[in-house]
Protein backbone atom coordinates (compact mmCIF):
# COMPACT_ATOMS: atom_id res chain seq x y z
CA MET A 1 92.78 124.94 86.13
CA GLY A 2 93.29 121.31 87.00
CA THR A 3 91.96 118.11 85.59
CA PRO A 4 92.28 114.49 86.67
CA LEU A 5 95.40 114.34 84.48
CA THR A 6 96.84 117.29 86.44
CA ASN A 7 96.26 115.45 89.71
CA LYS A 8 97.71 112.25 88.34
CA TYR A 9 100.83 114.04 87.08
CA TYR A 10 101.56 116.41 90.00
CA VAL A 11 100.12 114.49 92.94
CA ASN A 12 100.50 110.96 91.53
CA THR A 13 96.94 110.05 92.47
CA THR A 14 95.30 106.92 91.15
CA ASP A 15 93.50 107.80 87.92
CA GLY A 16 93.73 111.47 88.93
CA ASN A 17 91.29 111.21 91.84
CA ILE A 18 91.07 114.12 94.27
CA TYR A 19 90.45 112.23 97.50
CA GLY A 20 93.94 111.36 98.65
CA THR A 21 95.88 108.18 98.31
CA GLU A 22 94.32 105.03 96.90
CA LYS A 23 92.72 103.04 99.68
CA SER A 24 92.63 99.34 100.39
CA LEU A 25 91.76 97.55 103.62
CA LYS A 26 95.35 97.94 104.78
CA HIS A 27 95.08 101.76 104.49
CA ILE A 28 91.98 102.50 106.57
CA GLY A 29 91.06 102.43 110.23
CA PRO A 30 93.92 101.41 112.51
CA PHE A 31 96.17 100.82 109.50
CA ALA A 32 95.75 104.32 108.01
CA TYR A 33 98.52 106.88 107.90
CA LYS A 34 98.93 108.54 111.28
CA ALA A 35 98.51 112.24 112.04
CA LYS A 36 101.72 112.47 114.04
CA SER A 37 104.64 112.20 111.68
CA GLU A 38 108.13 110.91 112.39
CA ILE A 39 109.32 114.53 112.35
CA GLU A 40 109.04 116.26 115.71
CA ASN A 41 106.08 118.68 115.90
CA LEU A 42 104.93 117.89 112.36
CA TYR A 43 101.35 116.68 112.19
CA LEU A 44 99.39 115.67 109.11
CA CYS A 45 95.74 115.83 108.15
CA GLY A 46 93.80 115.43 104.93
CA ALA A 47 92.31 112.84 102.61
CA SER A 48 95.27 110.49 102.97
CA ILE A 49 95.07 110.38 106.78
CA LEU A 50 92.40 108.27 108.51
CA SER A 51 89.86 108.14 105.69
CA HIS A 52 89.20 109.54 102.23
CA GLY A 53 86.62 112.01 100.94
CA VAL A 54 85.22 115.20 102.38
CA ALA A 55 84.05 113.55 105.61
CA GLY A 56 87.44 111.87 106.01
CA VAL A 57 89.25 115.18 105.58
CA SER A 58 86.99 116.88 108.12
CA HIS A 59 87.43 114.11 110.67
CA SER A 60 91.17 114.07 110.03
CA GLY A 61 91.45 117.79 110.76
CA VAL A 62 89.54 117.49 114.04
CA ASP A 63 91.50 114.40 115.07
CA THR A 64 94.84 116.04 114.32
CA ALA A 65 93.86 119.22 116.18
CA ALA A 66 92.83 117.08 119.17
CA GLN A 67 96.21 115.35 119.18
CA ILE A 68 98.02 118.68 119.13
CA LEU A 69 95.78 120.07 121.89
CA LYS A 70 95.97 116.80 123.84
CA CYS A 71 92.21 116.40 124.13
CA ASP A 72 89.48 114.12 122.84
CA PRO A 73 88.19 114.92 119.32
CA ASP A 74 84.62 115.02 120.68
CA GLU A 75 85.59 117.93 122.93
CA LEU A 76 86.36 120.01 119.83
CA LYS A 77 82.96 119.23 118.32
CA LYS A 78 80.89 120.39 121.30
CA PRO A 79 79.01 123.66 120.75
CA GLN A 80 80.09 126.48 123.04
CA GLU A 81 77.65 128.88 124.68
CA ASP A 82 79.14 131.93 122.97
CA GLN A 83 79.26 130.21 119.59
CA HIS A 84 76.82 131.57 117.03
CA ILE A 85 76.67 129.47 113.90
CA ARG A 86 74.30 130.43 111.13
CA ILE A 87 73.61 128.37 108.08
CA TYR A 88 72.31 130.18 105.03
CA GLU A 89 70.62 128.62 102.03
CA ALA A 90 73.08 128.81 99.14
CA GLU A 91 70.41 129.28 96.47
CA ASP A 92 68.29 131.87 98.32
CA ALA A 93 69.88 135.16 99.37
CA THR A 94 66.77 136.63 101.03
CA ASP A 95 68.06 135.81 104.54
CA TYR A 96 71.65 136.93 103.93
CA PRO A 97 72.85 139.73 106.23
CA GLU A 98 73.70 143.10 104.69
CA TRP A 99 77.47 142.65 105.10
CA MET A 100 77.34 139.42 103.14
CA LEU A 101 75.27 140.94 100.32
CA LYS A 102 77.80 143.80 100.03
CA LYS A 103 80.69 141.34 99.90
CA ILE A 104 78.94 139.34 97.17
CA ALA A 105 78.29 142.54 95.18
CA VAL A 106 81.96 143.59 95.41
CA LYS A 107 83.22 140.16 94.32
CA THR A 108 80.69 140.00 91.48
CA ALA A 109 81.75 143.46 90.23
CA ARG A 110 85.43 142.50 90.37
CA ALA A 111 84.79 139.31 88.42
CA LYS A 112 82.79 141.21 85.81
CA ASN A 113 85.53 143.84 85.43
CA LYS A 114 88.18 141.17 85.10
CA SER A 115 86.12 139.36 82.48
CA GLU A 116 85.64 142.58 80.51
CA GLU A 117 89.40 143.28 80.63
CA ILE A 118 90.16 139.83 79.28
CA ASN A 119 87.63 140.18 76.46
CA THR A 120 88.92 143.59 75.29
């Protein structure tokens, strides 16, 4: 289990935040850390590259992958004809496929068993 103090101690984040390095105007946009490191074939992505937060991490991952693949990031975001993405409502399992319901049942049973072992 981690807390802001854990992040501050182990990751040295400002006030224990979880969104990468502290940002100022000199750390965003063209002045942000770059995905290509000084080490050959080592690329970086995450909350400290490009921008902070969940959206920044997502964009950083796509941008870094595009650099490695030598393509435009927008190319990686285009839907493909054989791509089948389904979005399910997190709070309503009525539309979940059978395989997903079975997986949830197995994980729930394991968690219950583990909890019972701890409490005995």
